[in-house]
Amino acid sequence: MQILLAYASLSGNTREVARLLAAHCQARGHALHCVDVDSADALPALARPRDLLLLGCWTDSAGRTPAEMKRFVAALRDGPGLPPGDRLAVFGTGETQWGMEVYCGAAHRLARFFASAYPVLAIEQMPHGVVDTHTIHHWADATLAHFEGLHDVDPACRHA
């Protein structure tokens, strides 16, 4: 399966979740391209064919989506077009200290905007230890299995 993993990270928390997701998906045999949405590589990455888009985002004040992710979504809309909700899953990082109503708010907003068919992966700040790694891997496995169940994926690309 061809996966584009695009993320926005301010402090490195979301980048670390993206790194763990990328390594896990690649270990499962999927072709994955990972890109920071605020880098020069972001827009060219949109031109590559993909089966699944994984979007990751930190949350700005009051649960808002940061500007760099908004620009990336606009480029996606204006370029290849918005993918259907069964071809996009969202993950995010946030801080519960600001209240559960805004915790990972950007990720939840993106999932609603795209009508994502997948649950949002929410990680408190920087992923720490075995529990967060397990949560990230479990989310990736469940998302990939659900996607494969919905779409006719080449068996050679399926993970064991």
C-alpha atoms as a PDB file:
ATOM      1  CA  MET A   1       0.000   0.000   0.000  1.00  0.00           C
ATOM      2  CA  GLN A   2       1.203   3.544  -0.784  1.00  0.00           C
ATOM      3  CA  ILE A   3       0.901   5.831   2.248  1.00  0.00           C
ATOM      4  CA  LEU A   4       1.566   9.551   2.569  1.00  0.00           C
ATOM      5  CA  LEU A   5       2.145  10.590   6.170  1.00  0.00           C
ATOM      6  CA  ALA A   6       2.043  14.372   6.484  1.00  0.00           C
ATOM      7  CA  TYR A   7       2.400  16.126   9.815  1.00  0.00           C
ATOM      8  CA  ALA A   8       2.743  19.542  11.436  1.00  0.00           C
ATOM      9  CA  SER A   9       4.860  19.754  14.588  1.00  0.00           C
ATOM     10  CA  LEU A  10       5.780  22.733  16.722  1.00  0.00           C
ATOM     11  CA  SER A  11       7.822  21.252  19.567  1.00  0.00           C
ATOM     12  CA  GLY A  12       8.637  17.828  18.090  1.00  0.00           C
ATOM     13  CA  ASN A  13       5.848  15.862  19.797  1.00  0.00           C
ATOM     14  CA  THR A  14       3.824  15.248  16.641  1.00  0.00           C
ATOM     15  CA  ARG A  15       7.010  14.608  14.655  1.00  0.00           C
ATOM     16  CA  GLU A  16       7.903  11.826  17.115  1.00  0.00           C
ATOM     17  CA  VAL A  17       4.451  10.224  16.740  1.00  0.00           C
ATOM     18  CA  ALA A  18       4.868  10.479  12.949  1.00  0.00           C
ATOM     19  CA  ARG A  19       8.297   8.835  13.197  1.00  0.00           C
ATOM     20  CA  LEU A  20       6.897   5.928  15.232  1.00  0.00           C
ATOM     21  CA  LEU A  21       3.962   5.512  12.827  1.00  0.00           C
ATOM     22  CA  ALA A  22       6.224   5.631   9.778  1.00  0.00           C
ATOM     23  CA  ALA A  23       8.612   3.029  11.166  1.00  0.00           C
ATOM     24  CA  HIS A  24       5.734   0.731  12.139  1.00  0.00           C
ATOM     25  CA  CYS A  25       3.990   0.973   8.748  1.00  0.00           C
ATOM     26  CA  GLN A  26       7.250   0.404   6.892  1.00  0.00           C
ATOM     27  CA  ALA A  27       8.053  -2.593   9.099  1.00  0.00           C
ATOM     28  CA  ARG A  28       4.662  -3.986   8.028  1.00  0.00           C
ATOM     29  CA  GLY A  29       5.793  -3.750   4.391  1.00  0.00           C
ATOM     30  CA  HIS A  30       3.972  -0.605   3.298  1.00  0.00           C
ATOM     31  CA  ALA A  31       5.569   2.011   1.053  1.00  0.00           C
ATOM     32  CA  LEU A  32       5.459   5.237   3.037  1.00  0.00           C
ATOM     33  CA  HIS A  33       6.512   8.800   2.328  1.00  0.00           C
ATOM     34  CA  CYS A  34       6.727  11.015   5.435  1.00  0.00           C
ATOM     35  CA  VAL A  35       6.763  14.799   5.137  1.00  0.00           C
ATOM     36  CA  ASP A  36       6.554  17.838   7.408  1.00  0.00           C
ATOM     37  CA  VAL A  37       3.766  20.000   5.940  1.00  0.00           C
ATOM     38  CA  ASP A  38       5.870  23.122   6.544  1.00  0.00           C
ATOM     39  CA  SER A  39       8.826  21.844   4.479  1.00  0.00           C
ATOM     40  CA  ALA A  40       9.719  22.383   0.831  1.00  0.00           C
ATOM     41  CA  ASP A  41       8.937  18.684   0.214  1.00  0.00           C
ATOM     42  CA  ALA A  42       5.290  18.971   1.284  1.00  0.00           C
ATOM     43  CA  LEU A  43       3.652  20.217  -1.908  1.00  0.00           C
ATOM     44  CA  PRO A  44       5.600  17.907  -4.262  1.00  0.00           C
ATOM     45  CA  ALA A  45       4.539  14.990  -2.035  1.00  0.00           C
ATOM     46  CA  LEU A  46       0.923  15.694  -2.940  1.00  0.00           C
ATOM     47  CA  ALA A  47       1.615  14.781  -6.564  1.00  0.00           C
ATOM     48  CA  ARG A  48       2.624  11.212  -5.644  1.00  0.00           C
ATOM     49  CA  PRO A  49      -0.035   8.526  -5.944  1.00  0.00           C
ATOM     50  CA  ARG A  50      -1.240   7.233  -2.590  1.00  0.00           C
ATOM     51  CA  ASP A  51      -3.769   4.799  -1.225  1.00  0.00           C
ATOM     52  CA  LEU A  52      -3.986   6.296   2.248  1.00  0.00           C
ATOM     53  CA  LEU A  53      -3.182   9.675   3.779  1.00  0.00           C
ATOM     54  CA  LEU A  54      -2.224   9.894   7.457  1.00  0.00           C
ATOM     55  CA  LEU A  55      -2.390  13.474   8.771  1.00  0.00           C
ATOM     56  CA  GLY A  56      -0.823  14.484  12.076  1.00  0.00           C
ATOM     57  CA  CYS A  57      -1.165  17.786  13.835  1.00  0.00           C
ATOM     58  CA  TRP A  58      -0.427  19.624  17.043  1.00  0.00           C
ATOM     59  CA  THR A  59      -3.158  21.822  18.477  1.00  0.00           C
ATOM     60  CA  ASP A  60      -2.906  25.602  18.594  1.00  0.00           C
ATOM     61  CA  SER A  61      -4.567  27.749  21.256  1.00  0.00           C
ATOM     62  CA  ALA A  62      -8.216  27.044  22.016  1.00  0.00           C
ATOM     63  CA  GLY A  63      -8.090  23.765  20.041  1.00  0.00           C
ATOM     64  CA  ARG A  64      -7.403  25.366  16.679  1.00  0.00           C
ATOM     65  CA  THR A  65      -5.608  23.916  13.663  1.00  0.00           C
ATOM     66  CA  PRO A  66      -2.229  25.602  13.080  1.00  0.00           C
ATOM     67  CA  ALA A  67      -1.700  27.730   9.983  1.00  0.00           C
ATOM     68  CA  GLU A  68       0.816  25.383   8.324  1.00  0.00           C
ATOM     69  CA  MET A  69      -1.680  22.503   8.365  1.00  0.00           C
ATOM     70  CA  LYS A  70      -4.429  24.763   7.023  1.00  0.00           C
ATOM     71  CA  ARG A  71      -2.125  25.720   4.129  1.00  0.00           C
ATOM     72  CA  PHE A  72      -1.381  22.052   3.426  1.00  0.00           C
ATOM     73  CA  VAL A  73      -5.081  21.139   3.407  1.00  0.00           C
ATOM     74  CA  ALA A  74      -5.785  24.065   1.051  1.00  0.00           C
ATOM     75  CA  ALA A  75      -2.993  22.861  -1.275  1.00  0.00           C
ATOM     76  CA  LEU A  76      -4.468  19.360  -1.158  1.00  0.00           C
ATOM     77  CA  ARG A  77      -7.917  20.733  -1.981  1.00  0.00           C
ATOM     78  CA  ASP A  78      -6.617  22.938  -4.794  1.00  0.00           C
ATOM     79  CA  GLY A  79      -4.233  20.295  -6.176  1.00  0.00           C
ATOM     80  CA  PRO A  80      -5.103  16.614  -6.309  1.00  0.00           C
ATOM     81  CA  GLY A  81      -8.335  17.147  -4.394  1.00  0.00           C
ATOM     82  CA  LEU A  82      -9.563  16.100  -0.985  1.00  0.00           C
ATOM     83  CA  PRO A  83      -9.501  12.353  -0.442  1.00  0.00           C
ATOM     84  CA  PRO A  84     -12.657  10.597   0.706  1.00  0.00           C
ATOM     85  CA  GLY A  85     -12.906   9.897   4.427  1.00  0.00           C
ATOM     86  CA  ASP A  86     -12.119   6.211   3.992  1.00  0.00           C
ATOM     87  CA  ARG A  87      -8.683   7.145   2.591  1.00  0.00           C
ATOM     88  CA  LEU A  88      -7.599   9.506   5.377  1.00  0.00           C
ATOM     89  CA  ALA A  89      -6.864   9.000   9.082  1.00  0.00           C
ATOM     90  CA  VAL A  90      -5.793  11.641  11.601  1.00  0.00           C
ATOM     91  CA  PHE A  91      -3.527  11.659  14.636  1.00  0.00           C
ATOM     92  CA  GLY A  92      -2.576  14.451  16.963  1.00  0.00           C
ATOM     93  CA  THR A  93      -0.813  15.592  20.063  1.00  0.00           C
ATOM     94  CA  GLY A  94      -2.062  17.939  22.732  1.00  0.00           C
ATOM     95  CA  GLU A  95      -2.177  18.753  26.409  1.00  0.00           C
ATOM     96  CA  THR A  96      -5.056  17.809  28.676  1.00  0.00           C
ATOM     97  CA  GLN A  97      -4.084  20.625  31.062  1.00  0.00           C
ATOM     98  CA  TRP A  98      -5.901  23.048  28.732  1.00  0.00           C
ATOM     99  CA  GLY A  99      -9.125  21.047  29.075  1.00  0.00           C
ATOM    100  CA  MET A 100     -10.578  18.003  27.400  1.00  0.00           C
ATOM    101  CA  GLU A 101     -12.782  20.184  25.194  1.00  0.00           C
ATOM    102  CA  VAL A 102      -9.667  21.379  23.315  1.00  0.00           C
ATOM    103  CA  TYR A 103      -7.363  18.364  23.822  1.00  0.00           C
ATOM    104  CA  CYS A 104      -6.064  17.366  20.352  1.00  0.00           C
ATOM    105  CA  GLY A 105      -8.677  19.734  18.964  1.00  0.00           C
ATOM    106  CA  ALA A 106      -6.871  20.216  15.652  1.00  0.00           C
ATOM    107  CA  ALA A 107      -6.837  16.467  14.992  1.00  0.00           C
ATOM    108  CA  HIS A 108     -10.542  16.191  15.783  1.00  0.00           C
ATOM    109  CA  ARG A 109     -11.330  19.194  13.558  1.00  0.00           C
ATOM    110  CA  LEU A 110      -9.377  17.668  10.678  1.00  0.00           C
ATOM    111  CA  ALA A 111     -11.102  14.306  11.107  1.00  0.00           C
ATOM    112  CA  ARG A 112     -14.513  16.016  11.005  1.00  0.00           C
ATOM    113  CA  PHE A 113     -13.539  18.166   8.007  1.00  0.00           C
ATOM    114  CA  PHE A 114     -12.512  15.106   6.004  1.00  0.00           C
ATOM    115  CA  ALA A 115     -15.302  12.909   7.446  1.00  0.00           C
ATOM    116  CA  SER A 116     -12.596  10.388   8.330  1.00  0.00           C
ATOM    117  CA  ALA A 117     -13.806   6.820   8.681  1.00  0.00           C
ATOM    118  CA  TYR A 118     -11.193   6.179  11.381  1.00  0.00           C
ATOM    119  CA  PRO A 119     -10.924   7.106  15.062  1.00  0.00           C
ATOM    120  CA  VAL A 120      -8.489   9.906  15.908  1.00  0.00           C
ATOM    121  CA  LEU A 121      -5.243   8.898  17.594  1.00  0.00           C
ATOM    122  CA  ALA A 122      -4.669  11.377  20.451  1.00  0.00           C
ATOM    123  CA  ILE A 123      -1.351  11.401  22.319  1.00  0.00           C
ATOM    124  CA  GLU A 124      -0.630  13.538  25.375  1.00  0.00           C
ATOM    125  CA  GLN A 125       2.390  15.700  24.542  1.00  0.00           C
ATOM    126  CA  MET A 126       5.492  13.654  23.584  1.00  0.00           C
ATOM    127  CA  PRO A 127       4.925   9.897  23.278  1.00  0.00           C
ATOM    128  CA  HIS A 128       6.607   8.209  26.249  1.00  0.00           C
ATOM    129  CA  GLY A 129       7.442   4.595  26.817  1.00  0.00           C
ATOM    130  CA  VAL A 130       5.826   1.302  26.037  1.00  0.00           C
ATOM    131  CA  VAL A 131       2.206   2.348  26.615  1.00  0.00           C
ATOM    132  CA  ASP A 132       2.253   5.200  24.086  1.00  0.00           C
ATOM    133  CA  THR A 133       4.229   3.118  21.579  1.00  0.00           C
ATOM    134  CA  HIS A 134       1.699   0.300  21.925  1.00  0.00           C
ATOM    135  CA  THR A 135      -1.184   2.776  21.495  1.00  0.00           C
ATOM    136  CA  ILE A 136       0.413   4.190  18.327  1.00  0.00           C
ATOM    137  CA  HIS A 137       1.128   0.735  16.868  1.00  0.00           C
ATOM    138  CA  HIS A 138      -2.354  -0.529  17.737  1.00  0.00           C
ATOM    139  CA  TRP A 139      -3.954   2.516  16.053  1.00  0.00           C
ATOM    140  CA  ALA A 140      -1.806   2.008  12.952  1.00  0.00           C
ATOM    141  CA  ASP A 141      -2.652  -1.695  12.761  1.00  0.00           C
ATOM    142  CA  ALA A 142      -6.388  -1.079  13.255  1.00  0.00           C
ATOM    143  CA  THR A 143      -6.403   1.721  10.669  1.00  0.00           C
ATOM    144  CA  LEU A 144      -4.511  -0.337   8.090  1.00  0.00           C
ATOM    145  CA  ALA A 145      -6.691  -3.404   8.672  1.00  0.00           C
ATOM    146  CA  HIS A 146      -9.867  -1.348   8.342  1.00  0.00           C
ATOM    147  CA  PHE A 147      -8.571   0.302   5.161  1.00  0.00           C
ATOM    148  CA  GLU A 148      -7.592  -3.056   3.671  1.00  0.00           C
ATOM    149  CA  GLY A 149     -11.026  -4.416   4.542  1.00  0.00           C
ATOM    150  CA  LEU A 150     -12.667  -1.572   2.637  1.00  0.00           C
ATOM    151  CA  HIS A 151     -10.383  -1.605  -0.407  1.00  0.00           C
ATOM    152  CA  ASP A 152      -8.980  -4.221  -2.709  1.00  0.00           C
ATOM    153  CA  VAL A 153      -5.302  -3.953  -1.782  1.00  0.00           C
ATOM    154  CA  ASP A 154      -2.687  -5.985  -3.640  1.00  0.00           C
ATOM    155  CA  PRO A 155      -2.032  -9.032  -1.393  1.00  0.00           C
ATOM    156  CA  ALA A 156       1.704  -8.585  -1.953  1.00  0.00           C
ATOM    157  CA  CYS A 157       1.444  -5.267  -0.063  1.00  0.00           C
ATOM    158  CA  ARG A 158      -0.404  -6.667   2.937  1.00  0.00           C
ATOM    159  CA  HIS A 159       1.501  -7.087   6.159  1.00  0.00           C
ATOM    160  CA  ALA A 160       1.860 -10.404   7.918  1.00  0.00           C
END
